Amino acid sequence: MTVARRLALVFPGFEPIPVEAHCARFVREAKKNAPVFDMKVETSEPAFAREGVSTAGFTVHASGEDWRTDTEIVLYGLDDLNDAYAERGGVLRTLAGLAALADFVVTGTFFRFVRTSWRYGLFFLYPVALLLAALLIGVLVARFLPGDREFRWVAGLIAFVLALWLASLKMHFLLMMDDWACARDIARGGSSDIGERIGLIAADIRQRIEATDADEILLAAHSFGAITAILALESALRHSRPQAEIGLLTTGSSLLKVALHPAATKLREAVAAIVASPVTWIDVQSLTDPINFYGSDPKKALGIVAGNGPRILHVRFRSQLGESTYRAIKYNFFRVHRQFVYASEKRTGYSFHAILCGPQPLSEIAAHGGLAAHWPAHGAPERLGL
């Protein structure tokens, strides 16, 4: 089976960039990735909407030897949600983030992180390490700078604030504070804005699913976007009975970041409903990325008994990239985390854009454990290494 027409609903992660920038990234990386998979890619002019929820809509026309696939892309942006957290100012953002981190420790969620994927536990501690490093710098300045006591402590406070400012500018400290505050709000239902936005997205998805005549409906999510996608998909499935195959692709997923919190009952119920449904789910993980739950199975981690869990694909970014590219990104873990949705330089069994724009249905990719070595014109699928 090949997909002639696809509806792809795309959910980016928690990044403070507008939907227009997400759209430009997708188009740029899809065109870079096309030659690696023997594809030609053309895109329509995107249409942007900001009523209720931010979206970018455009069509990707992909073709190769003896095949053509038209994919309608709808990209959902949550930059207004990022803005709502960022507008509170540095002090409140830091306090809210620390309160969230404390919540995840007190409830035992942090220890569940460590049991599920110990490397994610290190990522949890990273913003704490940045804060302590900034505090140490401030204390050292206050202790050893020449001058009277008042001057030294004022200088120490300034050094502490400057260190945190640099940590935010270069190492995303305040973004991580917002990220954890948002995760806590989702788990506890503490923000009506989040629930309202997810409700709007779910309603929009239901409308698009009911209206489409595509061969395949694919929800593709990166990082924090997996949470939005799962909550919205579960709501859509409760109200719709789509005729087309439905697939869920989660990459570098932060699902367990929230779902392991004891208060996140609604999210765990959504996961249970999806694994019990006919939806084909692929979860892509990478050892190189410390921000995903590498080695985990969401179904097992959440203690869900019924249904089929996602097909787990482990991808090696070193295998996808040239040596110089890999060396340039491997120590920048935020850039590594985004590699899930960036173009690959070598053909392997995983490519975000080849899955969303190519002719293979997600069910076939899941069954064979990755993209085919050759597109359908060349015969039966042969699995590529990851």
Protein backbone atom coordinates (compact mmCIF):
# COMPACT_ATOMS: atom_id res chain seq x y z
CA MET A 1 0.00 0.00 0.00
CA THR A 2 1.15 3.53 -0.77
CA VAL A 3 -0.30 6.78 0.52
CA ALA A 4 -1.50 9.12 -2.21
CA ARG A 5 -3.06 11.73 0.10
CA ARG A 6 -2.20 12.32 3.73
CA LEU A 7 -3.35 14.73 6.41
CA ALA A 8 -0.45 15.43 8.79
CA LEU A 9 -1.11 17.33 12.01
CA VAL A 10 2.21 18.50 13.46
CA PHE A 11 2.90 19.52 17.09
CA PRO A 12 6.24 21.21 17.87
CA GLY A 13 7.85 21.26 21.29
CA PHE A 14 8.00 23.95 23.97
CA GLU A 15 9.95 26.60 22.05
CA PRO A 16 9.47 30.36 22.24
CA ILE A 17 9.23 30.85 18.48
CA PRO A 18 6.13 31.70 16.42
CA VAL A 19 4.31 29.23 14.22
CA GLU A 20 5.74 31.02 11.17
CA ALA A 21 9.25 30.04 12.28
CA HIS A 22 8.19 26.41 12.85
CA CYS A 23 6.70 26.40 9.36
CA ALA A 24 9.87 27.83 7.79
CA ARG A 25 11.96 25.20 9.60
CA PHE A 26 9.75 22.35 8.39
CA VAL A 27 9.87 23.48 4.75
CA ARG A 28 13.63 24.13 4.85
CA GLU A 29 14.47 20.76 6.41
CA ALA A 30 12.03 18.84 4.18
CA LYS A 31 13.72 20.23 1.08
CA LYS A 32 17.19 19.45 2.48
CA ASN A 33 16.11 15.91 3.31
CA ALA A 34 14.40 15.14 -0.01
CA PRO A 35 17.49 14.16 -2.08
CA VAL A 36 18.63 11.72 0.61
CA PHE A 37 15.42 9.74 0.04
CA ASP A 38 15.27 10.18 -3.75
CA MET A 39 12.33 12.54 -3.45
CA LYS A 40 11.37 15.74 -5.17
CA VAL A 41 9.54 18.11 -2.86
CA GLU A 42 7.46 21.17 -3.67
CA THR A 43 5.42 23.13 -1.15
CA SER A 44 2.47 25.44 -1.49
CA GLU A 45 2.42 28.92 -0.01
CA PRO A 46 1.59 28.58 3.71
CA ALA A 47 -1.56 30.09 5.18
CA PHE A 48 -1.39 31.27 8.78
CA ALA A 49 -4.28 31.60 11.23
CA ARG A 50 -4.35 32.93 14.77
CA GLU A 51 -8.03 32.71 15.67
CA GLY A 52 -8.34 30.53 18.76
CA VAL A 53 -5.14 28.58 18.11
CA SER A 54 -2.13 29.42 15.94
CA THR A 55 -1.77 27.25 12.83
CA ALA A 56 0.24 27.11 9.64
CA GLY A 57 -1.31 25.20 6.75
CA PHE A 58 0.38 24.18 3.51
CA THR A 59 0.66 21.20 1.16
CA VAL A 60 3.79 19.20 0.40
CA HIS A 61 3.89 17.59 -3.04
CA ALA A 62 6.46 14.79 -2.88
CA SER A 63 7.28 12.46 -5.74
CA GLY A 64 9.76 9.83 -6.85
CA GLU A 65 10.02 6.97 -9.28
CA ASP A 66 6.46 5.76 -9.96
CA TRP A 67 4.89 7.45 -6.92
CA ARG A 68 3.46 10.77 -5.77
CA THR A 69 2.15 11.75 -2.34
CA ASP A 70 0.34 14.96 -1.46
CA THR A 71 0.48 15.76 2.25
CA GLU A 72 -1.64 18.49 3.77
CA ILE A 73 0.37 19.82 6.71
CA VAL A 74 -1.33 21.60 9.61
CA LEU A 75 1.24 22.84 12.09
CA TYR A 76 -0.01 23.90 15.53
CA GLY A 77 1.86 26.61 17.41
CA LEU A 78 1.76 27.27 21.13
CA ASP A 79 4.00 30.33 21.13
CA ASP A 80 1.27 32.32 22.87
CA LEU A 81 1.50 29.79 25.73
CA ASN A 82 5.28 30.32 25.87
CA ASP A 83 4.66 34.06 25.94
CA ALA A 84 2.22 33.74 28.84
CA TYR A 85 4.93 32.17 30.98
CA ALA A 86 7.74 34.45 29.74
CA GLU A 87 5.78 37.63 30.43
CA ARG A 88 5.93 37.10 34.19
CA GLY A 89 9.50 38.37 34.52
CA GLY A 90 12.72 36.64 35.55
CA VAL A 91 12.10 36.46 39.30
CA LEU A 92 8.60 34.97 39.06
CA ARG A 93 9.68 32.62 36.27
CA THR A 94 12.53 31.32 38.41
CA LEU A 95 10.35 30.91 41.51
CA ALA A 96 7.60 29.14 39.55
CA GLY A 97 10.14 26.80 37.97
CA LEU A 98 11.75 25.98 41.33
CA ALA A 99 8.31 25.36 42.85
CA ALA A 100 7.57 22.95 40.00
CA LEU A 101 10.89 21.13 40.44
CA ALA A 102 10.19 20.82 44.16
CA ASP A 103 6.73 19.42 43.37
CA PHE A 104 8.25 16.75 41.12
CA VAL A 105 10.67 15.76 43.88
CA VAL A 106 8.15 15.75 46.76
CA THR A 107 5.63 13.66 44.79
CA GLY A 108 8.33 11.12 43.89
CA THR A 109 8.05 11.90 40.18
CA PHE A 110 11.78 12.67 39.92
CA PHE A 111 12.60 9.20 41.25
CA ARG A 112 10.24 7.67 38.70
CA PHE A 113 12.22 9.56 36.05
CA VAL A 114 15.41 7.95 37.31
CA ARG A 115 13.88 4.46 37.35
CA THR A 116 12.41 4.88 33.88
CA SER A 117 15.35 6.57 32.15
CA TRP A 118 18.17 7.65 34.47
CA ARG A 119 19.62 10.10 31.93
CA TYR A 120 16.42 12.13 32.09
CA GLY A 121 17.04 12.48 35.80
CA LEU A 122 20.29 14.28 34.95
CA PHE A 123 18.38 16.66 32.68
CA PHE A 124 15.98 17.35 35.56
CA LEU A 125 18.95 18.37 37.73
CA TYR A 126 20.55 20.54 35.03
CA PRO A 127 18.68 23.82 35.82
CA VAL A 128 19.34 23.23 39.54
CA ALA A 129 23.05 22.92 38.75
CA LEU A 130 22.93 26.19 36.78
CA LEU A 131 21.24 27.97 39.69
CA LEU A 132 23.77 26.64 42.21
CA ALA A 133 26.66 27.62 39.92
CA ALA A 134 25.29 31.17 39.67
CA LEU A 135 24.84 31.28 43.44
CA LEU A 136 28.41 30.09 43.97
CA ILE A 137 29.72 32.82 41.67
CA GLY A 138 27.78 35.42 43.66
CA VAL A 139 29.10 34.09 46.97
CA LEU A 140 32.70 34.02 45.75
CA VAL A 141 32.44 37.61 44.51
CA ALA A 142 30.92 38.72 47.82
CA ARG A 143 33.57 36.87 49.79
CA PHE A 144 36.76 37.77 47.96
CA LEU A 145 36.16 41.06 46.12
CA PRO A 146 38.11 43.95 47.74
CA GLY A 147 36.03 46.61 49.46
CA ASP A 148 33.74 47.03 52.42
CA ARG A 149 31.08 44.48 53.36
CA GLU A 150 28.10 46.29 51.85
CA PHE A 151 29.86 46.84 48.55
CA ARG A 152 30.96 43.20 48.33
CA TRP A 153 27.46 41.84 48.96
CA VAL A 154 25.90 44.20 46.40
CA ALA A 155 28.57 43.12 43.91
CA GLY A 156 27.87 39.47 44.77
CA LEU A 157 24.16 39.94 44.15
CA ILE A 158 24.89 41.61 40.80
CA ALA A 159 27.26 38.76 39.87
CA PHE A 160 24.56 36.20 40.77
CA VAL A 161 21.96 37.96 38.61
CA LEU A 162 24.40 38.35 35.71
CA ALA A 163 25.34 34.67 35.92
CA LEU A 164 21.68 33.66 35.76
CA TRP A 165 21.12 36.06 32.86
CA LEU A 166 24.01 34.44 30.96
CA ALA A 167 22.67 30.98 31.87
CA SER A 168 19.32 31.96 30.40
CA LEU A 169 20.85 33.53 27.29
CA LYS A 170 23.28 30.72 26.50
CA MET A 171 21.86 27.69 28.32
CA HIS A 172 18.08 28.35 28.31
CA PHE A 173 17.74 28.54 32.10
CA LEU A 174 14.53 30.60 32.15
CA LEU A 175 13.04 28.56 29.29
CA MET A 176 13.58 25.42 31.39
CA MET A 177 11.94 27.13 34.37
CA ASP A 178 8.90 27.87 32.18
CA ASP A 179 8.98 24.33 30.81
CA TRP A 180 8.81 22.75 34.25
CA ALA A 181 6.17 25.23 35.43
CA CYS A 182 4.05 24.33 32.40
CA ALA A 183 4.56 20.60 33.01
CA ARG A 184 3.35 21.01 36.59
CA ASP A 185 0.31 23.02 35.47
CA ILE A 186 -0.64 20.32 32.96
CA ALA A 187 -0.22 17.55 35.54
CA ARG A 188 -2.28 19.35 38.19
CA GLY A 189 -4.70 21.19 35.89
CA GLY A 190 -3.46 24.42 37.39
CA SER A 191 -3.76 26.59 34.27
CA SER A 192 -7.06 27.17 32.55
CA ASP A 193 -5.17 28.61 29.56
CA ILE A 194 -3.53 25.26 28.83
CA GLY A 195 -6.80 23.33 29.06
CA GLU A 196 -8.52 25.89 26.87
CA ARG A 197 -5.81 25.72 24.20
CA ILE A 198 -5.78 21.93 24.11
CA GLY A 199 -9.58 21.97 23.86
CA LEU A 200 -9.39 24.33 20.88
CA ILE A 201 -6.80 22.13 19.20
CA ALA A 202 -8.89 19.01 19.82
CA ALA A 203 -11.95 20.68 18.29
CA ASP A 204 -9.92 21.77 15.28
CA ILE A 205 -8.53 18.24 14.85
CA ARG A 206 -12.02 16.72 15.01
CA GLN A 207 -13.23 19.09 12.31
CA ARG A 208 -10.29 18.29 10.04
CA ILE A 209 -10.57 14.53 10.59
CA GLU A 210 -14.27 14.57 9.75
CA ALA A 211 -13.73 16.67 6.63
CA THR A 212 -10.73 14.88 5.11
CA ASP A 213 -10.78 12.17 2.46
CA ALA A 214 -7.07 11.41 2.91
CA ASP A 215 -5.74 7.84 2.86
CA GLU A 216 -3.90 8.40 6.13
CA ILE A 217 -4.23 10.79 9.06
CA LEU A 218 -0.94 11.23 10.88
CA LEU A 219 -0.30 13.16 14.08
CA ALA A 220 3.40 13.91 14.44
CA ALA A 221 4.77 15.44 17.63
CA HIS A 222 8.18 16.46 18.92
CA SER A 223 9.19 16.71 22.57
CA PHE A 224 6.54 18.52 24.66
CA GLY A 225 4.22 18.45 21.65
CA ALA A 226 3.59 14.75 22.33
CA ILE A 227 1.52 15.71 25.38
CA THR A 228 -0.64 18.09 23.37
CA ALA A 229 -1.02 15.57 20.53
CA ILE A 230 -2.08 12.71 22.82
CA LEU A 231 -4.61 14.75 24.78
CA ALA A 232 -6.07 16.22 21.58
CA LEU A 233 -6.13 12.87 19.75
CA GLU A 234 -7.89 11.10 22.60
CA SER A 235 -10.55 13.82 22.65
CA ALA A 236 -10.96 13.63 18.88
CA LEU A 237 -11.34 9.83 18.94
CA ARG A 238 -14.11 10.10 21.56
CA HIS A 239 -16.16 12.27 19.20
CA SER A 240 -15.15 11.02 15.73
CA ARG A 241 -15.02 7.75 13.85
CA PRO A 242 -12.57 8.45 11.01
CA GLN A 243 -12.54 6.15 7.99
CA ALA A 244 -8.85 6.63 7.21
CA GLU A 245 -5.98 4.96 9.04
CA ILE A 246 -4.71 7.05 11.95
CA GLY A 247 -1.08 7.12 13.01
CA LEU A 248 0.72 8.80 15.90
CA LEU A 249 4.43 9.59 15.60
CA THR A 250 6.15 10.88 18.75
CA THR A 251 9.81 11.90 18.53
CA GLY A 252 12.03 12.85 21.46
CA SER A 253 8.85 12.67 23.50
CA SER A 254 8.40 14.41 26.87
CA LEU A 255 5.17 12.50 27.53
CA LEU A 256 6.47 10.75 30.64
CA LYS A 257 7.72 14.05 32.06
CA VAL A 258 4.08 14.82 32.92
CA ALA A 259 2.41 11.40 32.78
CA LEU A 260 4.58 10.01 35.61
CA HIS A 261 3.31 12.72 37.97
CA PRO A 262 0.66 11.18 40.27
CA ALA A 263 -1.78 14.04 39.57
CA ALA A 264 -1.67 13.52 35.77
CA THR A 265 -4.62 11.10 35.74
CA LYS A 266 -6.22 12.64 32.66
CA LEU A 267 -3.06 12.27 30.58
CA ARG A 268 -2.56 8.63 31.63
CA GLU A 269 -6.18 7.89 30.73
CA ALA A 270 -5.60 9.46 27.30
CA VAL A 271 -2.55 7.23 26.75
CA ALA A 272 -4.53 4.16 27.82
CA ALA A 273 -7.34 5.05 25.40
CA ILE A 274 -4.91 5.46 22.49
CA VAL A 275 -3.05 2.17 23.07
CA ALA A 276 -6.44 0.41 23.24
CA SER A 277 -7.54 1.98 19.92
CA PRO A 278 -6.61 0.99 16.34
CA VAL A 279 -4.14 3.90 16.16
CA THR A 280 -0.64 2.93 15.01
CA TRP A 281 1.86 4.59 17.34
CA ILE A 282 5.61 4.89 16.78
CA ASP A 283 7.79 6.42 19.49
CA VAL A 284 11.27 7.46 18.31
CA GLN A 285 14.08 7.73 20.87
CA SER A 286 17.82 8.45 20.75
CA LEU A 287 20.57 7.69 23.25
CA THR A 288 22.41 10.85 22.16
CA ASP A 289 19.55 13.05 23.36
CA PRO A 290 19.35 13.52 27.15
CA ILE A 291 15.96 15.24 26.92
CA ASN A 292 13.99 12.16 25.83
CA PHE A 293 13.15 9.05 27.85
CA TYR A 294 15.54 6.71 26.05
CA GLY A 295 14.93 3.02 26.67
CA SER A 296 11.40 3.51 27.99
CA ASP A 297 8.07 2.07 26.89
CA PRO A 298 5.23 4.50 27.76
CA LYS A 299 2.71 1.69 28.16
CA LYS A 300 4.87 -0.23 30.63
CA ALA A 301 6.13 2.88 32.43
CA LEU A 302 2.54 3.97 33.13
CA GLY A 303 1.38 0.50 34.19
CA ILE A 304 -1.18 0.21 31.38
CA VAL A 305 -2.27 -3.40 30.88
CA ALA A 306 -4.73 -3.42 27.96
CA GLY A 307 -3.87 -2.60 24.37
CA ASN A 308 -0.70 -2.49 22.34
CA GLY A 309 2.06 -0.09 23.27
CA PRO A 310 3.91 2.03 20.73
CA ARG A 311 6.49 0.55 18.41
CA ILE A 312 9.78 1.88 19.80
CA LEU A 313 12.42 2.95 17.27
CA HIS A 314 15.92 3.79 18.52
CA VAL A 315 17.74 6.13 16.15
CA ARG A 316 21.48 6.90 16.10
CA PHE A 317 22.06 10.49 15.00
CA ARG A 318 25.70 9.63 14.29
CA SER A 319 24.46 7.23 11.60
CA GLN A 320 22.26 9.93 10.03
CA LEU A 321 24.79 12.74 9.85
CA GLY A 322 28.19 13.44 8.38
CA GLU A 323 31.06 13.43 10.86
CA SER A 324 31.53 17.20 10.78
CA THR A 325 27.82 17.87 11.37
CA TYR A 326 27.65 15.41 14.22
CA ARG A 327 30.74 16.87 15.89
CA ALA A 328 29.25 20.36 15.60
CA ILE A 329 26.02 19.46 17.45
CA LYS A 330 26.80 16.59 19.83
CA TYR A 331 27.69 18.79 22.83
CA ASN A 332 24.73 21.15 22.32
CA PHE A 333 21.99 18.99 23.77
CA PHE A 334 19.17 21.37 22.81
CA ARG A 335 20.31 21.17 19.17
CA VAL A 336 20.66 17.39 19.48
CA HIS A 337 17.11 17.26 20.81
CA ARG A 338 15.86 19.13 17.73
CA GLN A 339 17.63 16.70 15.39
CA PHE A 340 14.52 14.52 15.50
CA VAL A 341 12.81 17.11 13.27
CA TYR A 342 15.86 18.18 11.26
CA ALA A 343 17.03 16.75 7.96
CA SER A 344 19.29 13.71 7.88
CA GLU A 345 22.34 13.55 5.63
CA LYS A 346 22.32 9.78 5.23
CA ARG A 347 19.43 7.45 4.52
CA THR A 348 18.39 5.42 7.58
CA GLY A 349 15.17 3.91 8.84
CA TYR A 350 14.02 7.15 10.44
CA SER A 351 13.40 10.55 8.90
CA PHE A 352 10.73 12.92 10.17
CA HIS A 353 10.13 14.40 6.71
CA ALA A 354 10.29 11.13 4.77
CA ILE A 355 7.66 9.66 7.10
CA LEU A 356 5.37 12.70 6.84
CA CYS A 357 5.83 13.31 3.10
CA GLY A 358 6.77 9.94 1.60
CA PRO A 359 4.52 7.15 0.23
CA GLN A 360 4.83 4.64 3.09
CA PRO A 361 1.96 4.44 5.61
CA LEU A 362 2.97 4.59 9.27
CA SER A 363 1.48 1.13 9.87
CA GLU A 364 3.95 -0.35 7.37
CA ILE A 365 6.87 1.54 8.89
CA ALA A 366 5.89 0.23 12.33
CA ALA A 367 5.52 -3.34 11.06
CA HIS A 368 8.97 -3.32 9.44
CA GLY A 369 10.72 -1.37 12.19
CA GLY A 370 11.66 1.61 10.06
CA LEU A 371 11.48 3.16 6.62
CA ALA A 372 12.05 0.90 3.63
CA ALA A 373 15.44 0.82 1.97
CA HIS A 374 13.65 1.51 -1.31
CA TRP A 375 10.35 3.17 -2.09
CA PRO A 376 7.39 1.00 -3.29
CA ALA A 377 8.40 0.92 -6.95
CA HIS A 378 11.34 -1.29 -6.05
CA GLY A 379 9.32 -4.06 -4.47
CA ALA A 380 8.81 -5.37 -0.94
CA PRO A 381 10.07 -3.16 1.91
CA GLU A 382 13.53 -3.89 3.25
CA ARG A 383 14.26 -2.39 6.63
CA LEU A 384 16.98 0.24 6.90
CA GLY A 385 19.22 0.46 9.93
CA LEU A 386 18.49 3.18 12.48
